[in-house]
Amino acid sequence: IMFAEEGTPEATLLQETGYTQPALFAFEVALYRLLESWGITPDLVTGHSIGELTAAHITGILTLHDAARLVTTRAHLMQTLPHGGTMIAIQATETELTPLLEQHPHQATIAALNTPTSLVISGDHTTVTTIAHHFTTLGRRTNHLTVSHAFHSPRMDPILEELRTTAKELTHTPPT
């Protein structure tokens, strides 16, 4: 599905997180293995979101089978949640954003701190777009992310128990 011709039914599957996350994981692991085959090995590995699970696998914390199981379980559970919410990247600091988030408890949250002046917020569509508009009026860059759900927000909480259950069933080893 990652290389399907645009406009085909297969290509539209990539817009569903149930397919997107496993595809990203497979691509990331394959890319790492390619670099490894060329003799390129990192001293440090990190990741964000699905990339954290890729990092857990390539550092030996999870086997490929266990990491793939966790990725597919996570993707499936997220896909079962109702669509909705929004994620927006904003040119702002955490200090600038926090007072606005406090005005809307449980409606929006910081999903990612990309740099000291670039972050992503996630949550209720109206709340998130209102906060983003505030920064737009200040001349700051904002970018609506094309996502089906408000990932990395309390909207994901309903899947946590089942995801934890799966994670506890896996074998975790110290990183290599």
N, C-alpha and C. Protein backbone atom coordinates (compact mmCIF):
# COMPACT_ATOMS: atom_id res chain seq x y z
N ILE A 1 0.81 -1.21 0.00
CA ILE A 1 0.00 0.00 0.00
C ILE A 1 0.85 1.27 0.00
N MET A 2 2.08 1.16 0.47
CA MET A 2 2.92 2.37 0.52
C MET A 2 3.28 2.87 -0.88
N PHE A 3 3.32 1.95 -1.82
CA PHE A 3 3.75 2.33 -3.17
C PHE A 3 2.63 2.12 -4.18
N ALA A 4 1.40 2.10 -3.69
CA ALA A 4 0.25 1.94 -4.58
C ALA A 4 0.07 3.19 -5.43
N GLU A 5 -0.49 2.98 -6.60
CA GLU A 5 -0.74 4.11 -7.50
C GLU A 5 -1.78 5.03 -6.87
N GLU A 6 -1.50 6.32 -6.93
CA GLU A 6 -2.39 7.32 -6.34
C GLU A 6 -3.81 7.18 -6.90
N GLY A 7 -4.78 7.27 -6.01
CA GLY A 7 -6.18 7.19 -6.41
C GLY A 7 -6.75 5.79 -6.40
N THR A 8 -5.90 4.79 -6.16
CA THR A 8 -6.39 3.41 -6.12
C THR A 8 -6.92 3.09 -4.73
N PRO A 9 -7.77 2.06 -4.63
CA PRO A 9 -8.26 1.66 -3.30
C PRO A 9 -7.11 1.31 -2.35
N GLU A 10 -6.06 0.71 -2.89
CA GLU A 10 -4.92 0.36 -2.04
C GLU A 10 -4.24 1.60 -1.47
N ALA A 11 -4.14 2.64 -2.29
CA ALA A 11 -3.49 3.88 -1.83
C ALA A 11 -4.29 4.54 -0.72
N THR A 12 -5.61 4.45 -0.77
CA THR A 12 -6.43 5.09 0.27
C THR A 12 -6.29 4.38 1.61
N LEU A 13 -5.87 3.12 1.59
CA LEU A 13 -5.67 2.40 2.86
C LEU A 13 -4.62 3.07 3.73
N LEU A 14 -3.67 3.72 3.10
CA LEU A 14 -2.59 4.36 3.85
C LEU A 14 -3.10 5.54 4.67
N GLN A 15 -4.31 5.99 4.41
CA GLN A 15 -4.91 7.07 5.20
C GLN A 15 -5.53 6.54 6.49
N GLU A 16 -5.57 5.23 6.65
CA GLU A 16 -6.11 4.61 7.85
C GLU A 16 -4.96 4.21 8.77
N THR A 17 -5.03 4.66 10.00
CA THR A 17 -3.93 4.41 10.93
C THR A 17 -3.66 2.92 11.14
N GLY A 18 -4.69 2.09 10.97
CA GLY A 18 -4.51 0.65 11.09
C GLY A 18 -3.53 0.10 10.07
N TYR A 19 -3.38 0.78 8.96
CA TYR A 19 -2.41 0.41 7.93
C TYR A 19 -1.17 1.30 7.97
N THR A 20 -1.37 2.57 8.26
CA THR A 20 -0.25 3.52 8.23
C THR A 20 0.84 3.14 9.22
N GLN A 21 0.46 2.86 10.45
CA GLN A 21 1.48 2.59 11.47
C GLN A 21 2.29 1.34 11.18
N PRO A 22 1.67 0.20 10.83
CA PRO A 22 2.50 -0.95 10.47
C PRO A 22 3.38 -0.68 9.24
N ALA A 23 2.86 0.08 8.28
CA ALA A 23 3.66 0.41 7.09
C ALA A 23 4.87 1.26 7.48
N LEU A 24 4.67 2.25 8.33
CA LEU A 24 5.79 3.08 8.79
C LEU A 24 6.82 2.24 9.54
N PHE A 25 6.35 1.37 10.40
CA PHE A 25 7.25 0.51 11.16
C PHE A 25 8.08 -0.36 10.21
N ALA A 26 7.42 -0.99 9.25
CA ALA A 26 8.13 -1.84 8.29
C ALA A 26 9.16 -1.04 7.50
N PHE A 27 8.78 0.15 7.06
CA PHE A 27 9.69 1.01 6.30
C PHE A 27 10.88 1.42 7.15
N GLU A 28 10.63 1.82 8.39
CA GLU A 28 11.71 2.27 9.27
C GLU A 28 12.69 1.14 9.58
N VAL A 29 12.16 -0.06 9.86
CA VAL A 29 13.04 -1.20 10.13
C VAL A 29 13.84 -1.54 8.88
N ALA A 30 13.18 -1.55 7.72
CA ALA A 30 13.88 -1.87 6.47
C ALA A 30 14.98 -0.85 6.19
N LEU A 31 14.70 0.41 6.42
CA LEU A 31 15.71 1.45 6.19
C LEU A 31 16.90 1.26 7.13
N TYR A 32 16.62 0.94 8.38
CA TYR A 32 17.71 0.69 9.33
C TYR A 32 18.54 -0.51 8.87
N ARG A 33 17.86 -1.59 8.47
CA ARG A 33 18.59 -2.80 8.04
C ARG A 33 19.43 -2.52 6.79
N LEU A 34 18.95 -1.67 5.90
CA LEU A 34 19.73 -1.30 4.72
C LEU A 34 21.01 -0.58 5.15
N LEU A 35 20.87 0.41 6.01
CA LEU A 35 22.05 1.13 6.51
C LEU A 35 23.00 0.18 7.23
N GLU A 36 22.44 -0.71 8.01
CA GLU A 36 23.25 -1.69 8.73
C GLU A 36 24.03 -2.57 7.76
N SER A 37 23.39 -2.96 6.65
CA SER A 37 24.07 -3.81 5.65
C SER A 37 25.23 -3.07 4.98
N TRP A 38 25.19 -1.76 5.00
CA TRP A 38 26.28 -0.95 4.45
C TRP A 38 27.35 -0.66 5.50
N GLY A 39 27.18 -1.22 6.69
CA GLY A 39 28.15 -1.01 7.75
C GLY A 39 27.94 0.26 8.55
N ILE A 40 26.79 0.87 8.38
CA ILE A 40 26.48 2.10 9.12
C ILE A 40 25.66 1.73 10.34
N THR A 41 26.23 1.94 11.52
CA THR A 41 25.50 1.65 12.75
C THR A 41 25.54 2.88 13.65
N PRO A 42 24.41 3.27 14.17
CA PRO A 42 24.36 4.47 15.01
C PRO A 42 24.88 4.20 16.42
N ASP A 43 25.35 5.25 17.04
CA ASP A 43 25.74 5.18 18.45
C ASP A 43 24.53 5.34 19.35
N LEU A 44 23.52 6.01 18.84
CA LEU A 44 22.32 6.32 19.62
C LEU A 44 21.11 6.23 18.70
N VAL A 45 20.02 5.70 19.23
CA VAL A 45 18.79 5.59 18.45
C VAL A 45 17.65 6.18 19.28
N THR A 46 16.82 6.96 18.64
CA THR A 46 15.64 7.52 19.29
C THR A 46 14.50 7.54 18.28
N GLY A 47 13.33 7.79 18.75
CA GLY A 47 12.18 7.86 17.85
C GLY A 47 11.05 8.60 18.51
N HIS A 48 10.07 8.95 17.71
CA HIS A 48 8.86 9.59 18.22
C HIS A 48 7.67 8.79 17.73
N SER A 49 6.73 8.55 18.63
CA SER A 49 5.50 7.84 18.30
C SER A 49 5.84 6.44 17.80
N ILE A 50 5.42 6.10 16.60
CA ILE A 50 5.71 4.76 16.09
C ILE A 50 7.22 4.52 16.00
N GLY A 51 7.98 5.58 15.82
CA GLY A 51 9.43 5.47 15.76
C GLY A 51 10.04 4.98 17.07
N GLU A 52 9.36 5.22 18.19
CA GLU A 52 9.85 4.71 19.47
C GLU A 52 9.82 3.18 19.48
N LEU A 53 8.79 2.61 18.86
CA LEU A 53 8.70 1.15 18.80
C LEU A 53 9.73 0.59 17.84
N THR A 54 9.99 1.30 16.76
CA THR A 54 11.07 0.89 15.85
C THR A 54 12.39 0.92 16.60
N ALA A 55 12.64 1.98 17.34
CA ALA A 55 13.88 2.09 18.11
C ALA A 55 13.99 0.97 19.14
N ALA A 56 12.88 0.61 19.77
CA ALA A 56 12.89 -0.48 20.75
C ALA A 56 13.28 -1.80 20.08
N HIS A 57 12.84 -2.00 18.86
CA HIS A 57 13.21 -3.22 18.15
C HIS A 57 14.68 -3.20 17.72
N ILE A 58 15.10 -2.14 17.05
CA ILE A 58 16.46 -2.17 16.49
C ILE A 58 17.55 -2.10 17.56
N THR A 59 17.19 -1.70 18.76
CA THR A 59 18.17 -1.72 19.86
C THR A 59 18.10 -3.02 20.65
N GLY A 60 17.22 -3.93 20.25
CA GLY A 60 17.15 -5.24 20.87
C GLY A 60 16.22 -5.35 22.06
N ILE A 61 15.52 -4.29 22.39
CA ILE A 61 14.58 -4.35 23.52
C ILE A 61 13.42 -5.29 23.19
N LEU A 62 12.94 -5.23 21.96
CA LEU A 62 11.86 -6.10 21.50
C LEU A 62 12.32 -6.87 20.26
N THR A 63 11.91 -8.12 20.17
CA THR A 63 12.16 -8.87 18.94
C THR A 63 11.31 -8.28 17.83
N LEU A 64 11.63 -8.63 16.60
CA LEU A 64 10.83 -8.15 15.47
C LEU A 64 9.38 -8.60 15.63
N HIS A 65 9.19 -9.85 16.02
CA HIS A 65 7.83 -10.38 16.20
C HIS A 65 7.07 -9.60 17.27
N ASP A 66 7.70 -9.39 18.42
CA ASP A 66 7.01 -8.67 19.50
C ASP A 66 6.76 -7.21 19.15
N ALA A 67 7.73 -6.57 18.53
CA ALA A 67 7.54 -5.17 18.14
C ALA A 67 6.41 -5.05 17.12
N ALA A 68 6.39 -5.95 16.14
CA ALA A 68 5.33 -5.92 15.13
C ALA A 68 3.97 -6.19 15.78
N ARG A 69 3.94 -7.08 16.75
CA ARG A 69 2.68 -7.34 17.45
C ARG A 69 2.20 -6.09 18.18
N LEU A 70 3.11 -5.41 18.86
CA LEU A 70 2.73 -4.20 19.59
C LEU A 70 2.29 -3.09 18.62
N VAL A 71 3.00 -2.94 17.53
CA VAL A 71 2.65 -1.93 16.52
C VAL A 71 1.27 -2.21 15.94
N THR A 72 1.02 -3.45 15.55
CA THR A 72 -0.28 -3.75 14.92
C THR A 72 -1.42 -3.67 15.92
N THR A 73 -1.17 -4.07 17.16
CA THR A 73 -2.21 -3.93 18.19
C THR A 73 -2.53 -2.46 18.41
N ARG A 74 -1.50 -1.65 18.56
CA ARG A 74 -1.68 -0.20 18.75
C ARG A 74 -2.44 0.41 17.58
N ALA A 75 -2.03 0.07 16.37
CA ALA A 75 -2.68 0.63 15.18
C ALA A 75 -4.14 0.21 15.11
N HIS A 76 -4.40 -1.06 15.38
CA HIS A 76 -5.79 -1.55 15.34
C HIS A 76 -6.64 -0.85 16.39
N LEU A 77 -6.12 -0.75 17.61
CA LEU A 77 -6.89 -0.10 18.68
C LEU A 77 -7.16 1.37 18.35
N MET A 78 -6.16 2.06 17.85
CA MET A 78 -6.37 3.47 17.48
C MET A 78 -7.40 3.60 16.37
N GLN A 79 -7.37 2.66 15.43
CA GLN A 79 -8.31 2.70 14.31
C GLN A 79 -9.75 2.50 14.79
N THR A 80 -9.93 1.78 15.89
CA THR A 80 -11.29 1.52 16.38
C THR A 80 -11.90 2.72 17.09
N LEU A 81 -11.08 3.69 17.45
CA LEU A 81 -11.61 4.89 18.12
C LEU A 81 -12.39 5.75 17.13
N PRO A 82 -13.36 6.50 17.63
CA PRO A 82 -14.09 7.40 16.73
C PRO A 82 -13.14 8.43 16.11
N HIS A 83 -13.35 8.69 14.83
CA HIS A 83 -12.56 9.73 14.16
C HIS A 83 -12.88 11.07 14.79
N GLY A 84 -11.97 11.97 14.66
CA GLY A 84 -12.23 13.31 15.17
C GLY A 84 -11.04 13.88 15.88
N GLY A 85 -11.16 15.14 16.17
CA GLY A 85 -10.05 15.85 16.78
C GLY A 85 -9.11 16.35 15.71
N THR A 86 -8.12 17.07 16.13
CA THR A 86 -7.19 17.71 15.21
C THR A 86 -5.81 17.76 15.83
N MET A 87 -4.81 17.79 14.98
CA MET A 87 -3.43 18.03 15.40
C MET A 87 -2.89 19.18 14.55
N ILE A 88 -2.25 20.14 15.21
CA ILE A 88 -1.69 21.29 14.51
C ILE A 88 -0.29 21.58 15.04
N ALA A 89 0.65 21.73 14.12
CA ALA A 89 2.00 22.17 14.47
C ALA A 89 1.98 23.69 14.59
N ILE A 90 2.60 24.20 15.64
CA ILE A 90 2.56 25.64 15.92
C ILE A 90 3.97 26.14 16.23
N GLN A 91 4.29 27.28 15.69
CA GLN A 91 5.54 27.96 16.02
C GLN A 91 5.29 28.73 17.32
N ALA A 92 5.64 28.09 18.43
CA ALA A 92 5.43 28.68 19.75
C ALA A 92 6.26 27.90 20.76
N THR A 93 6.44 28.50 21.92
CA THR A 93 7.13 27.81 23.00
C THR A 93 6.10 27.17 23.92
N GLU A 94 6.56 26.22 24.70
CA GLU A 94 5.68 25.59 25.68
C GLU A 94 5.16 26.63 26.67
N THR A 95 6.01 27.56 27.06
CA THR A 95 5.62 28.62 28.00
C THR A 95 4.51 29.48 27.42
N GLU A 96 4.60 29.80 26.13
CA GLU A 96 3.56 30.60 25.50
C GLU A 96 2.24 29.84 25.38
N LEU A 97 2.33 28.56 25.15
CA LEU A 97 1.14 27.75 24.90
C LEU A 97 0.41 27.33 26.18
N THR A 98 1.13 27.05 27.23
CA THR A 98 0.54 26.49 28.45
C THR A 98 -0.65 27.29 28.98
N PRO A 99 -0.60 28.61 29.09
CA PRO A 99 -1.78 29.33 29.60
C PRO A 99 -3.03 29.12 28.73
N LEU A 100 -2.85 28.99 27.44
CA LEU A 100 -4.00 28.76 26.56
C LEU A 100 -4.57 27.36 26.77
N LEU A 101 -3.70 26.39 26.96
CA LEU A 101 -4.17 25.03 27.24
C LEU A 101 -4.92 24.96 28.56
N GLU A 102 -4.43 25.70 29.55
CA GLU A 102 -5.07 25.71 30.87
C GLU A 102 -6.47 26.30 30.82
N GLN A 103 -6.76 27.12 29.83
CA GLN A 103 -8.11 27.67 29.66
C GLN A 103 -9.08 26.62 29.11
N HIS A 104 -8.55 25.51 28.61
CA HIS A 104 -9.36 24.45 28.00
C HIS A 104 -8.94 23.09 28.57
N PRO A 105 -9.16 22.86 29.87
CA PRO A 105 -8.70 21.60 30.46
C PRO A 105 -9.33 20.38 29.78
N HIS A 106 -8.51 19.38 29.53
CA HIS A 106 -8.91 18.10 28.95
C HIS A 106 -9.39 18.22 27.50
N GLN A 107 -9.24 19.38 26.88
CA GLN A 107 -9.68 19.56 25.50
C GLN A 107 -8.53 19.54 24.50
N ALA A 108 -7.35 19.91 24.95
CA ALA A 108 -6.17 19.94 24.08
C ALA A 108 -4.93 19.74 24.92
N THR A 109 -3.90 19.22 24.29
CA THR A 109 -2.65 18.95 24.98
C THR A 109 -1.48 19.09 24.02
N ILE A 110 -0.30 19.20 24.58
CA ILE A 110 0.89 19.19 23.75
C ILE A 110 1.16 17.74 23.36
N ALA A 111 1.18 17.48 22.08
CA ALA A 111 1.43 16.13 21.58
C ALA A 111 2.91 15.88 21.33
N ALA A 112 3.63 16.94 20.97
CA ALA A 112 5.07 16.80 20.69
C ALA A 112 5.76 18.14 20.86
N LEU A 113 6.90 18.08 21.51
CA LEU A 113 7.80 19.25 21.58
C LEU A 113 8.91 18.98 20.58
N ASN A 114 8.79 19.51 19.39
CA ASN A 114 9.76 19.23 18.34
C ASN A 114 11.06 19.99 18.53
N THR A 115 10.96 21.26 18.88
CA THR A 115 12.11 22.11 19.20
C THR A 115 11.63 23.08 20.29
N PRO A 116 12.51 23.88 20.84
CA PRO A 116 12.05 24.85 21.85
C PRO A 116 10.99 25.82 21.34
N THR A 117 10.92 26.01 20.02
CA THR A 117 9.94 26.96 19.47
C THR A 117 9.01 26.31 18.44
N SER A 118 8.90 25.01 18.46
CA SER A 118 8.02 24.31 17.54
C SER A 118 7.40 23.12 18.25
N LEU A 119 6.09 23.10 18.28
CA LEU A 119 5.40 22.01 18.97
C LEU A 119 4.14 21.64 18.22
N VAL A 120 3.54 20.54 18.64
CA VAL A 120 2.29 20.07 18.06
C VAL A 120 1.27 19.96 19.18
N ILE A 121 0.06 20.48 18.93
CA ILE A 121 -1.02 20.29 19.89
C ILE A 121 -2.06 19.37 19.28
N SER A 122 -2.79 18.70 20.16
CA SER A 122 -3.74 17.69 19.72
C SER A 122 -4.95 17.72 20.64
N GLY A 123 -6.12 17.45 20.08
CA GLY A 123 -7.32 17.38 20.90
C GLY A 123 -8.56 17.78 20.14
N ASP A 124 -9.52 18.32 20.87
CA ASP A 124 -10.80 18.76 20.32
C ASP A 124 -10.57 19.74 19.16
N HIS A 125 -11.27 19.50 18.05
CA HIS A 125 -11.06 20.31 16.84
C HIS A 125 -11.23 21.80 17.10
N THR A 126 -12.33 22.18 17.72
CA THR A 126 -12.60 23.61 17.94
C THR A 126 -11.55 24.23 18.83
N THR A 127 -11.21 23.56 19.91
CA THR A 127 -10.21 24.09 20.84
C THR A 127 -8.85 24.24 20.18
N VAL A 128 -8.41 23.20 19.50
CA VAL A 128 -7.08 23.22 18.88
C VAL A 128 -7.00 24.29 17.79
N THR A 129 -8.05 24.39 16.97
CA THR A 129 -8.01 25.41 15.91
C THR A 129 -8.09 26.82 16.49
N THR A 130 -8.82 27.00 17.58
CA THR A 130 -8.89 28.31 18.23
C THR A 130 -7.51 28.72 18.76
N ILE A 131 -6.83 27.79 19.41
CA ILE A 131 -5.49 28.07 19.93
C ILE A 131 -4.53 28.37 18.78
N ALA A 132 -4.60 27.58 17.72
CA ALA A 132 -3.72 27.82 16.57
C ALA A 132 -3.99 29.18 15.94
N HIS A 133 -5.26 29.56 15.87
CA HIS A 133 -5.62 30.85 15.29
C HIS A 133 -5.00 32.00 16.10
N HIS A 134 -4.96 31.84 17.41
CA HIS A 134 -4.32 32.85 18.27
C HIS A 134 -2.88 33.10 17.80
N PHE A 135 -2.15 32.02 17.55
CA PHE A 135 -0.75 32.18 17.14
C PHE A 135 -0.64 32.68 15.70
N THR A 136 -1.59 32.33 14.86
CA THR A 136 -1.61 32.84 13.48
C THR A 136 -1.75 34.36 13.49
N THR A 137 -2.61 34.88 14.37
CA THR A 137 -2.80 36.33 14.45
C THR A 137 -1.54 37.05 14.95
N LEU A 138 -0.66 36.31 15.60
CA LEU A 138 0.62 36.87 16.05
C LEU A 138 1.71 36.74 14.98
N GLY A 139 1.31 36.21 13.82
CA GLY A 139 2.28 36.04 12.73
C GLY A 139 3.08 34.76 12.81
N ARG A 140 2.64 33.82 13.63
CA ARG A 140 3.36 32.55 13.79
C ARG A 140 2.88 31.55 12.75
N ARG A 141 3.77 30.65 12.38
CA ARG A 141 3.41 29.58 11.44
C ARG A 141 2.60 28.51 12.17
N THR A 142 1.57 28.03 11.50
CA THR A 142 0.81 26.88 11.98
C THR A 142 0.59 25.94 10.80
N ASN A 143 0.46 24.67 11.09
CA ASN A 143 0.27 23.68 10.03
C ASN A 143 -0.65 22.57 10.53
N HIS A 144 -1.84 22.48 9.93
CA HIS A 144 -2.76 21.39 10.27
C HIS A 144 -2.18 20.08 9.75
N LEU A 145 -2.07 19.09 10.62
CA LEU A 145 -1.56 17.80 10.20
C LEU A 145 -2.70 16.97 9.62
N THR A 146 -2.42 16.22 8.60
CA THR A 146 -3.43 15.38 7.97
C THR A 146 -3.47 14.05 8.73
N VAL A 147 -4.34 13.98 9.71
CA VAL A 147 -4.48 12.78 10.53
C VAL A 147 -5.96 12.49 10.75
N SER A 148 -6.25 11.24 11.05
CA SER A 148 -7.64 10.82 11.26
C SER A 148 -8.11 11.02 12.69
N HIS A 149 -7.17 11.10 13.61
CA HIS A 149 -7.49 11.17 15.03
C HIS A 149 -6.58 12.21 15.71
N ALA A 150 -6.96 12.59 16.91
CA ALA A 150 -6.13 13.48 17.72
C ALA A 150 -5.15 12.62 18.52
N PHE A 151 -4.12 12.14 17.84
CA PHE A 151 -3.14 11.26 18.47
C PHE A 151 -2.39 12.01 19.57
N HIS A 152 -1.83 11.24 20.50
CA HIS A 152 -1.04 11.79 21.61
C HIS A 152 -1.86 12.76 22.45
N SER A 153 -3.14 12.45 22.60
CA SER A 153 -4.03 13.29 23.41
C SER A 153 -4.89 12.37 24.27
N PRO A 154 -5.63 12.94 25.20
CA PRO A 154 -6.53 12.12 26.03
C PRO A 154 -7.57 11.34 25.21
N ARG A 155 -7.78 11.71 23.96
CA ARG A 155 -8.71 10.95 23.12
C ARG A 155 -8.22 9.52 22.88
N MET A 156 -6.96 9.24 23.16
CA MET A 156 -6.40 7.90 23.00
C MET A 156 -6.55 7.06 24.27
N ASP A 157 -6.95 7.68 25.37
CA ASP A 157 -7.02 6.98 26.65
C ASP A 157 -7.85 5.70 26.64
N PRO A 158 -8.95 5.61 25.90
CA PRO A 158 -9.74 4.38 25.94
C PRO A 158 -9.00 3.12 25.49
N ILE A 159 -7.91 3.25 24.77
CA ILE A 159 -7.19 2.06 24.30
C ILE A 159 -6.06 1.64 25.22
N LEU A 160 -5.74 2.45 26.21
CA LEU A 160 -4.54 2.23 27.01
C LEU A 160 -4.53 0.90 27.75
N GLU A 161 -5.64 0.52 28.35
CA GLU A 161 -5.65 -0.71 29.14
C GLU A 161 -5.34 -1.92 28.26
N GLU A 162 -5.99 -2.01 27.11
CA GLU A 162 -5.73 -3.15 26.23
C GLU A 162 -4.31 -3.11 25.66
N LEU A 163 -3.81 -1.93 25.37
CA LEU A 163 -2.45 -1.81 24.86
C LEU A 163 -1.44 -2.23 25.94
N ARG A 164 -1.68 -1.83 27.17
CA ARG A 164 -0.80 -2.23 28.29
C ARG A 164 -0.81 -3.75 28.45
N THR A 165 -1.98 -4.35 28.32
CA THR A 165 -2.09 -5.81 28.44
C THR A 165 -1.20 -6.49 27.41
N THR A 166 -1.26 -6.04 26.18
CA THR A 166 -0.42 -6.61 25.13
C THR A 166 1.05 -6.37 25.44
N ALA A 167 1.41 -5.17 25.85
CA ALA A 167 2.81 -4.85 26.14
C ALA A 167 3.37 -5.73 27.25
N LYS A 168 2.55 -6.05 28.25
CA LYS A 168 3.00 -6.88 29.36
C LYS A 168 3.26 -8.32 28.94
N GLU A 169 2.64 -8.75 27.85
CA GLU A 169 2.82 -10.12 27.36
C GLU A 169 4.11 -10.30 26.56
N LEU A 170 4.77 -9.22 26.23
CA LEU A 170 5.97 -9.27 25.40
C LEU A 170 7.22 -9.44 26.24
N THR A 171 8.26 -9.97 25.62
CA THR A 171 9.55 -10.11 26.28
C THR A 171 10.38 -8.86 26.02
N HIS A 172 10.79 -8.22 27.10
CA HIS A 172 11.62 -7.01 27.01
C HIS A 172 13.03 -7.36 27.49
N THR A 173 14.03 -6.96 26.73
CA THR A 173 15.41 -7.21 27.13
C THR A 173 16.17 -5.88 27.15
N PRO A 174 17.27 -5.82 27.88
CA PRO A 174 18.05 -4.57 27.89
C PRO A 174 18.55 -4.26 26.48
N PRO A 175 18.64 -2.98 26.13
CA PRO A 175 19.12 -2.62 24.78
C PRO A 175 20.57 -3.01 24.58
N THR A 176 20.91 -3.26 23.32
CA THR A 176 22.29 -3.64 22.99
C THR A 176 23.08 -2.44 22.52
